[in-house]
Structures are given as C-alpha cells and as structure tokens.
Amino acid sequence: MSFTQQFLQEAREILARLDVAAIERVVAALADVRARGGRLFILGVGGSASNAAHAVNDFRKIAGIETYSPTDNVSELTARTNDDGWETVFVEWLRGSRLKAQDGLLVFSVGGGDLERNVSPNLVRALQYARAIGATICGIVGRDGGYTAKVADACVIVPTVNPAHVTPHAEAFQAIVWHLFVTHPALKAAATKWESTVADEAGTKAA
C-alpha cells in the first residue's frame, strides 16, 4: 500500500468512527447559544487558528451566530504575547470581550490543552475562565481530547487511527465537522451560494 493509499484509508476509518451522538450534542449546544442571544468564540492555535478564522465566517454567515476568534487580530494577539505572555492571551481577550454565561466557546485543537505538559496552556486558561463564568464549552479535538474534552459540555474527538498522523487528521477533520455543524438543519440559517444558485437555475428551467 502506498503512502497516499494508507493516508486516505486512515481518513475513511476516521470518518466511519466519528461519534454521531457527540456531533449532535455539539449542534444542540450551539443552537442553544444562538437561541439565547449568545456569542460564539472560536479558539485555536497553529493550523487550528487558521481553521478558526474560516469557521468564524461560516458561523456568522451561514448559521447566523455572532462569532469571533481572538487569533484574527494579530496586533492584539502579539501585543498580549509580548507584554503578558502566551499562556494568558486567550483568557485576557475573553475578559476584554466581557464573556458572559449565555456565550459559547468552540475549541479547535489537536491535543485539547495540557498544563502538565505545557501544551496549549492558553486554551486551558481560557476554558477555566469560561467554566467559572458558566459559558457553554464545545470542542473538536484529537487524541484523547485533553483538557477540552474533560470540561466541555459537548465535544467531538477525532479518532486516532495512526499516532503518526494525529495532527493532519485532527486539523483536517475539524473542517469536515464544523462544516457539518453549519449545514445541519438545527443551525443552518442561510443558503450557501452555489447550492442556492443551482436551485435557482433548476427553478428557472422548470418554469
């Protein structure tokens, strides 16, 4: 089996093993955040930060949820890192945004955060603060989910099928799962462009 065949086979296995019930729980939790007028804050580091930026657009435009990601503001992120340290960048950003109990956090992470190993401590500090406030916590994470999975109200863990490929699969499946979220009938509030275009063309031909 070539590397490409192996990698794609791993992706197929992950897709088959995703926890459907966990996905539905996250969808329900996010729908509750929207119903009570809460905002959604998406947190991620590295490749997950890039996913967070994309997801902000989708949750705002497709799901109709007021959504933000602290990593989208590079000036503030680097100022807080320089002045106060990496560990507190997210929690202080959430304090500045006046996080409230009706709001929600959605974490994208490979490991979910681990203070003992000093891996993504900024995620852990943000989650500790969110728990103290009473905000809803959700996640899409890899491996065992780390701190995120321990404290989340609902969390999807991307199954590990090959420990050598945890990061690429976890970050790739974040995109698959969040696109499922915003397309889910419980969350989708606006038509996506290409699908609506095809529907309009079909209607014109039928007429």
C-alpha atoms as a PDB file:
ATOM      1  CA  MET A   1       0.000   0.000   0.000  1.00  0.00           C
ATOM      2  CA  SER A   2       1.386   3.415  -0.961  1.00  0.00           C
ATOM      3  CA  PHE A   3       1.523   6.292   1.497  1.00  0.00           C
ATOM      4  CA  THR A   4      -1.342   8.008  -0.308  1.00  0.00           C
ATOM      5  CA  GLN A   5      -3.499   4.882  -0.124  1.00  0.00           C
ATOM      6  CA  GLN A   6      -2.678   4.488   3.564  1.00  0.00           C
ATOM      7  CA  PHE A   7      -3.473   8.109   4.411  1.00  0.00           C
ATOM      8  CA  LEU A   8      -6.796   8.000   2.596  1.00  0.00           C
ATOM      9  CA  GLN A   9      -7.652   4.676   4.215  1.00  0.00           C
ATOM     10  CA  GLU A  10      -6.995   6.256   7.610  1.00  0.00           C
ATOM     11  CA  ALA A  11      -9.317   9.136   6.688  1.00  0.00           C
ATOM     12  CA  ARG A  12     -12.049   6.690   5.715  1.00  0.00           C
ATOM     13  CA  GLU A  13     -11.654   4.876   9.023  1.00  0.00           C
ATOM     14  CA  ILE A  14     -11.857   8.128  10.987  1.00  0.00           C
ATOM     15  CA  LEU A  15     -14.995   9.124   9.100  1.00  0.00           C
ATOM     16  CA  ALA A  16     -16.624   5.782   9.910  1.00  0.00           C
ATOM     17  CA  ARG A  17     -15.693   6.055  13.593  1.00  0.00           C
ATOM     18  CA  LEU A  18     -16.811   9.632  14.277  1.00  0.00           C
ATOM     19  CA  ASP A  19     -19.247   9.784  17.197  1.00  0.00           C
ATOM     20  CA  VAL A  20     -22.565  10.858  15.657  1.00  0.00           C
ATOM     21  CA  ALA A  21     -24.174  11.377  19.069  1.00  0.00           C
ATOM     22  CA  ALA A  22     -21.335  13.698  20.121  1.00  0.00           C
ATOM     23  CA  ILE A  23     -21.766  15.715  16.936  1.00  0.00           C
ATOM     24  CA  GLU A  24     -25.481  16.084  17.611  1.00  0.00           C
ATOM     25  CA  ARG A  25     -24.771  17.212  21.181  1.00  0.00           C
ATOM     26  CA  VAL A  26     -22.472  19.977  19.939  1.00  0.00           C
ATOM     27  CA  VAL A  27     -25.046  21.086  17.363  1.00  0.00           C
ATOM     28  CA  ALA A  28     -27.701  21.265  20.080  1.00  0.00           C
ATOM     29  CA  ALA A  29     -25.393  23.223  22.394  1.00  0.00           C
ATOM     30  CA  LEU A  30     -24.532  25.739  19.675  1.00  0.00           C
ATOM     31  CA  ALA A  31     -28.194  26.105  18.745  1.00  0.00           C
ATOM     32  CA  ASP A  32     -28.908  26.910  22.393  1.00  0.00           C
ATOM     33  CA  VAL A  33     -26.193  29.587  22.389  1.00  0.00           C
ATOM     34  CA  ARG A  34     -27.833  31.214  19.362  1.00  0.00           C
ATOM     35  CA  ALA A  35     -31.347  30.913  20.802  1.00  0.00           C
ATOM     36  CA  ARG A  36     -30.379  32.794  23.946  1.00  0.00           C
ATOM     37  CA  GLY A  37     -28.611  35.546  22.014  1.00  0.00           C
ATOM     38  CA  GLY A  38     -25.119  34.470  22.979  1.00  0.00           C
ATOM     39  CA  ARG A  39     -21.929  34.997  21.047  1.00  0.00           C
ATOM     40  CA  LEU A  40     -19.536  32.261  19.943  1.00  0.00           C
ATOM     41  CA  PHE A  41     -15.777  32.488  20.421  1.00  0.00           C
ATOM     42  CA  ILE A  42     -13.648  30.025  18.465  1.00  0.00           C
ATOM     43  CA  LEU A  43     -10.198  29.277  19.863  1.00  0.00           C
ATOM     44  CA  GLY A  44      -7.362  27.511  18.069  1.00  0.00           C
ATOM     45  CA  VAL A  45      -3.574  27.544  17.805  1.00  0.00           C
ATOM     46  CA  GLY A  46      -1.435  26.965  14.719  1.00  0.00           C
ATOM     47  CA  GLY A  47      -3.363  25.216  11.959  1.00  0.00           C
ATOM     48  CA  SER A  48      -6.392  25.201  14.233  1.00  0.00           C
ATOM     49  CA  ALA A  49      -6.218  29.004  14.377  1.00  0.00           C
ATOM     50  CA  SER A  50      -6.477  29.101  10.612  1.00  0.00           C
ATOM     51  CA  ASN A  51      -9.490  26.789  10.811  1.00  0.00           C
ATOM     52  CA  ALA A  52     -10.995  29.083  13.434  1.00  0.00           C
ATOM     53  CA  ALA A  53     -10.774  32.073  11.079  1.00  0.00           C
ATOM     54  CA  HIS A  54     -12.618  30.166   8.352  1.00  0.00           C
ATOM     55  CA  ALA A  55     -15.200  28.842  10.784  1.00  0.00           C
ATOM     56  CA  VAL A  56     -15.959  32.353  12.098  1.00  0.00           C
ATOM     57  CA  ASN A  57     -17.133  33.269   8.626  1.00  0.00           C
ATOM     58  CA  ASP A  58     -19.334  30.176   8.348  1.00  0.00           C
ATOM     59  CA  PHE A  59     -20.964  30.503  11.751  1.00  0.00           C
ATOM     60  CA  ARG A  60     -21.697  34.187  11.156  1.00  0.00           C
ATOM     61  CA  LYS A  61     -22.862  33.935   7.537  1.00  0.00           C
ATOM     62  CA  ILE A  62     -24.492  30.501   7.400  1.00  0.00           C
ATOM     63  CA  ALA A  63     -25.556  29.800  10.982  1.00  0.00           C
ATOM     64  CA  GLY A  64     -26.393  33.369  11.974  1.00  0.00           C
ATOM     65  CA  ILE A  65     -24.367  33.343  15.194  1.00  0.00           C
ATOM     66  CA  GLU A  66     -22.323  36.356  16.253  1.00  0.00           C
ATOM     67  CA  THR A  67     -18.869  34.761  16.188  1.00  0.00           C
ATOM     68  CA  TYR A  68     -15.278  35.848  16.809  1.00  0.00           C
ATOM     69  CA  SER A  69     -11.771  34.407  17.054  1.00  0.00           C
ATOM     70  CA  PRO A  70      -9.027  36.155  19.046  1.00  0.00           C
ATOM     71  CA  THR A  71      -6.339  34.973  16.617  1.00  0.00           C
ATOM     72  CA  ASP A  72      -7.902  37.061  13.843  1.00  0.00           C
ATOM     73  CA  ASN A  73      -6.468  40.210  15.466  1.00  0.00           C
ATOM     74  CA  VAL A  74      -2.711  39.731  15.073  1.00  0.00           C
ATOM     75  CA  SER A  75      -1.871  43.117  16.632  1.00  0.00           C
ATOM     76  CA  GLU A  76      -3.698  42.341  19.868  1.00  0.00           C
ATOM     77  CA  LEU A  77      -2.505  38.738  19.953  1.00  0.00           C
ATOM     78  CA  THR A  78       1.153  39.679  19.598  1.00  0.00           C
ATOM     79  CA  ALA A  79       0.868  42.610  21.995  1.00  0.00           C
ATOM     80  CA  ARG A  80      -0.603  40.367  24.679  1.00  0.00           C
ATOM     81  CA  THR A  81       2.030  37.710  23.998  1.00  0.00           C
ATOM     82  CA  ASN A  82       4.849  40.254  24.200  1.00  0.00           C
ATOM     83  CA  ASP A  83       3.575  42.107  27.245  1.00  0.00           C
ATOM     84  CA  ASP A  84       1.919  39.411  29.344  1.00  0.00           C
ATOM     85  CA  GLY A  85       2.922  36.008  27.987  1.00  0.00           C
ATOM     86  CA  TRP A  86       1.472  33.352  25.697  1.00  0.00           C
ATOM     87  CA  GLU A  87      -0.430  31.487  28.411  1.00  0.00           C
ATOM     88  CA  THR A  88      -2.891  34.298  29.082  1.00  0.00           C
ATOM     89  CA  VAL A  89      -3.565  35.633  25.573  1.00  0.00           C
ATOM     90  CA  PHE A  90      -6.974  33.990  25.201  1.00  0.00           C
ATOM     91  CA  VAL A  91      -8.301  34.410  28.719  1.00  0.00           C
ATOM     92  CA  GLU A  92      -7.466  38.120  28.756  1.00  0.00           C
ATOM     93  CA  TRP A  93      -9.023  38.553  25.310  1.00  0.00           C
ATOM     94  CA  LEU A  94     -12.205  36.907  26.616  1.00  0.00           C
ATOM     95  CA  ARG A  95     -12.195  39.170  29.658  1.00  0.00           C
ATOM     96  CA  GLY A  96     -11.855  42.156  27.346  1.00  0.00           C
ATOM     97  CA  SER A  97     -14.796  40.843  25.337  1.00  0.00           C
ATOM     98  CA  ARG A  98     -16.841  40.534  28.556  1.00  0.00           C
ATOM     99  CA  LEU A  99     -17.568  36.818  28.186  1.00  0.00           C
ATOM    100  CA  LYS A 100     -20.983  36.006  29.670  1.00  0.00           C
ATOM    101  CA  ALA A 101     -22.818  32.869  30.674  1.00  0.00           C
ATOM    102  CA  GLN A 102     -25.017  32.999  27.577  1.00  0.00           C
ATOM    103  CA  ASP A 103     -21.938  32.908  25.306  1.00  0.00           C
ATOM    104  CA  GLY A 104     -20.156  29.839  23.965  1.00  0.00           C
ATOM    105  CA  LEU A 105     -16.612  28.689  23.277  1.00  0.00           C
ATOM    106  CA  LEU A 106     -15.703  26.314  20.463  1.00  0.00           C
ATOM    107  CA  VAL A 107     -12.186  24.898  20.720  1.00  0.00           C
ATOM    108  CA  PHE A 108     -10.262  23.528  17.751  1.00  0.00           C
ATOM    109  CA  SER A 109      -7.204  21.628  18.948  1.00  0.00           C
ATOM    110  CA  VAL A 110      -5.159  18.528  18.250  1.00  0.00           C
ATOM    111  CA  GLY A 111      -4.497  17.727  21.900  1.00  0.00           C
ATOM    112  CA  GLY A 112      -7.118  19.823  23.676  1.00  0.00           C
ATOM    113  CA  GLY A 113      -4.639  21.505  26.018  1.00  0.00           C
ATOM    114  CA  ASP A 114      -2.473  20.086  28.813  1.00  0.00           C
ATOM    115  CA  LEU A 115      -0.999  22.236  31.579  1.00  0.00           C
ATOM    116  CA  GLU A 116       1.259  19.492  32.940  1.00  0.00           C
ATOM    117  CA  ARG A 117       2.947  19.085  29.550  1.00  0.00           C
ATOM    118  CA  ASN A 118       2.747  22.823  28.844  1.00  0.00           C
ATOM    119  CA  VAL A 119       0.879  22.169  25.602  1.00  0.00           C
ATOM    120  CA  SER A 120      -1.603  24.895  24.601  1.00  0.00           C
ATOM    121  CA  PRO A 121      -1.809  26.336  28.130  1.00  0.00           C
ATOM    122  CA  ASN A 122      -3.612  29.365  26.663  1.00  0.00           C
ATOM    123  CA  LEU A 123      -6.534  27.106  25.764  1.00  0.00           C
ATOM    124  CA  VAL A 124      -6.630  25.658  29.265  1.00  0.00           C
ATOM    125  CA  ARG A 125      -6.642  29.081  30.953  1.00  0.00           C
ATOM    126  CA  ALA A 126      -9.440  30.247  28.650  1.00  0.00           C
ATOM    127  CA  LEU A 127     -11.504  27.147  29.406  1.00  0.00           C
ATOM    128  CA  GLN A 128     -11.002  27.549  33.138  1.00  0.00           C
ATOM    129  CA  TYR A 129     -12.299  31.100  32.860  1.00  0.00           C
ATOM    130  CA  ALA A 130     -15.248  30.058  30.703  1.00  0.00           C
ATOM    131  CA  ARG A 131     -16.240  27.387  33.226  1.00  0.00           C
ATOM    132  CA  ALA A 132     -16.107  29.928  36.040  1.00  0.00           C
ATOM    133  CA  ILE A 133     -18.341  32.275  34.034  1.00  0.00           C
ATOM    134  CA  GLY A 134     -20.743  29.487  33.103  1.00  0.00           C
ATOM    135  CA  ALA A 135     -20.355  29.802  29.327  1.00  0.00           C
ATOM    136  CA  THR A 136     -21.076  26.805  27.104  1.00  0.00           C
ATOM    137  CA  ILE A 137     -17.941  24.908  26.066  1.00  0.00           C
ATOM    138  CA  CYS A 138     -17.693  22.773  22.922  1.00  0.00           C
ATOM    139  CA  GLY A 139     -14.762  21.338  21.028  1.00  0.00           C
ATOM    140  CA  ILE A 140     -13.435  19.447  18.036  1.00  0.00           C
ATOM    141  CA  VAL A 141     -10.209  17.842  19.191  1.00  0.00           C
ATOM    142  CA  GLY A 142      -7.867  14.943  18.508  1.00  0.00           C
ATOM    143  CA  ARG A 143      -6.088  12.286  20.584  1.00  0.00           C
ATOM    144  CA  ASP A 144      -7.919  11.885  23.919  1.00  0.00           C
ATOM    145  CA  GLY A 145      -9.254  15.442  23.817  1.00  0.00           C
ATOM    146  CA  GLY A 146      -7.058  16.675  26.668  1.00  0.00           C
ATOM    147  CA  TYR A 147      -8.439  19.373  28.965  1.00  0.00           C
ATOM    148  CA  THR A 148     -11.065  20.430  26.432  1.00  0.00           C
ATOM    149  CA  ALA A 149     -12.775  17.043  26.459  1.00  0.00           C
ATOM    150  CA  LYS A 150     -12.687  16.944  30.264  1.00  0.00           C
ATOM    151  CA  VAL A 151     -14.554  20.211  30.775  1.00  0.00           C
ATOM    152  CA  ALA A 152     -16.670  20.574  27.631  1.00  0.00           C
ATOM    153  CA  ASP A 153     -20.441  20.450  27.645  1.00  0.00           C
ATOM    154  CA  ALA A 154     -20.176  18.670  24.291  1.00  0.00           C
ATOM    155  CA  CYS A 155     -17.091  17.602  22.369  1.00  0.00           C
ATOM    156  CA  VAL A 156     -16.229  15.690  19.214  1.00  0.00           C
ATOM    157  CA  ILE A 157     -12.991  13.709  19.392  1.00  0.00           C
ATOM    158  CA  VAL A 158     -11.397  12.854  16.053  1.00  0.00           C
ATOM    159  CA  PRO A 159     -10.420   9.178  16.488  1.00  0.00           C
ATOM    160  CA  THR A 160      -6.733   8.331  16.376  1.00  0.00           C
ATOM    161  CA  VAL A 161      -6.169   5.590  13.805  1.00  0.00           C
ATOM    162  CA  ASN A 162      -2.445   6.212  13.342  1.00  0.00           C
ATOM    163  CA  PRO A 163      -0.457   8.033  16.065  1.00  0.00           C
ATOM    164  CA  ALA A 164       1.999   9.233  13.407  1.00  0.00           C
ATOM    165  CA  HIS A 165      -0.754  11.249  11.695  1.00  0.00           C
ATOM    166  CA  VAL A 166      -2.711  12.677  14.615  1.00  0.00           C
ATOM    167  CA  THR A 167      -2.134  16.337  13.715  1.00  0.00           C
ATOM    168  CA  PRO A 168      -3.011  16.301   9.994  1.00  0.00           C
ATOM    169  CA  HIS A 169      -6.102  14.184  10.543  1.00  0.00           C
ATOM    170  CA  ALA A 170      -7.311  16.175  13.561  1.00  0.00           C
ATOM    171  CA  GLU A 171      -6.965  19.509  11.774  1.00  0.00           C
ATOM    172  CA  ALA A 172      -8.477  18.193   8.548  1.00  0.00           C
ATOM    173  CA  PHE A 173     -11.494  16.724  10.301  1.00  0.00           C
ATOM    174  CA  GLN A 174     -12.092  19.941  12.232  1.00  0.00           C
ATOM    175  CA  ALA A 175     -13.086  21.371   8.864  1.00  0.00           C
ATOM    176  CA  ILE A 176     -15.322  18.447   7.970  1.00  0.00           C
ATOM    177  CA  VAL A 177     -17.108  18.525  11.313  1.00  0.00           C
ATOM    178  CA  TRP A 178     -17.628  22.291  11.557  1.00  0.00           C
ATOM    179  CA  HIS A 179     -18.966  22.338   8.010  1.00  0.00           C
ATOM    180  CA  LEU A 180     -21.391  19.636   9.140  1.00  0.00           C
ATOM    181  CA  PHE A 181     -22.390  21.878  12.063  1.00  0.00           C
ATOM    182  CA  VAL A 182     -23.252  24.915   9.951  1.00  0.00           C
ATOM    183  CA  THR A 183     -25.038  22.758   7.359  1.00  0.00           C
ATOM    184  CA  HIS A 184     -27.097  20.939   9.984  1.00  0.00           C
ATOM    185  CA  PRO A 185     -30.807  21.886   9.821  1.00  0.00           C
ATOM    186  CA  ALA A 186     -30.713  22.843  13.500  1.00  0.00           C
ATOM    187  CA  LEU A 187     -28.099  25.522  12.789  1.00  0.00           C
ATOM    188  CA  LYS A 188     -28.234  26.473   9.115  1.00  0.00           C
ATOM    189  CA  ALA A 189     -29.968  29.825   8.761  1.00  0.00           C
ATOM    190  CA  ALA A 190     -28.894  30.979   5.294  1.00  0.00           C
ATOM    191  CA  ALA A 191     -28.386  29.308   1.948  1.00  0.00           C
ATOM    192  CA  THR A 192     -24.852  28.786   0.688  1.00  0.00           C
ATOM    193  CA  LYS A 193     -24.065  30.459  -2.636  1.00  0.00           C
ATOM    194  CA  TRP A 194     -23.510  27.578  -5.026  1.00  0.00           C
ATOM    195  CA  GLU A 195     -26.368  25.483  -3.702  1.00  0.00           C
ATOM    196  CA  SER A 196     -28.784  28.398  -3.972  1.00  0.00           C
ATOM    197  CA  THR A 197     -27.520  29.173  -7.481  1.00  0.00           C
ATOM    198  CA  VAL A 198     -28.180  25.603  -8.608  1.00  0.00           C
ATOM    199  CA  ALA A 199     -31.635  25.720  -7.027  1.00  0.00           C
ATOM    200  CA  ASP A 200     -32.435  28.984  -8.821  1.00  0.00           C
ATOM    201  CA  GLU A 201     -31.293  27.549 -12.149  1.00  0.00           C
ATOM    202  CA  ALA A 202     -33.402  24.446 -11.611  1.00  0.00           C
ATOM    203  CA  GLY A 203     -36.436  26.606 -10.813  1.00  0.00           C
ATOM    204  CA  THR A 204     -35.922  28.724 -13.928  1.00  0.00           C
ATOM    205  CA  LYS A 205     -35.704  25.640 -16.150  1.00  0.00           C
ATOM    206  CA  ALA A 206     -38.827  24.147 -14.563  1.00  0.00           C
ATOM    207  CA  ALA A 207     -40.752  27.356 -15.236  1.00  0.00           C
END
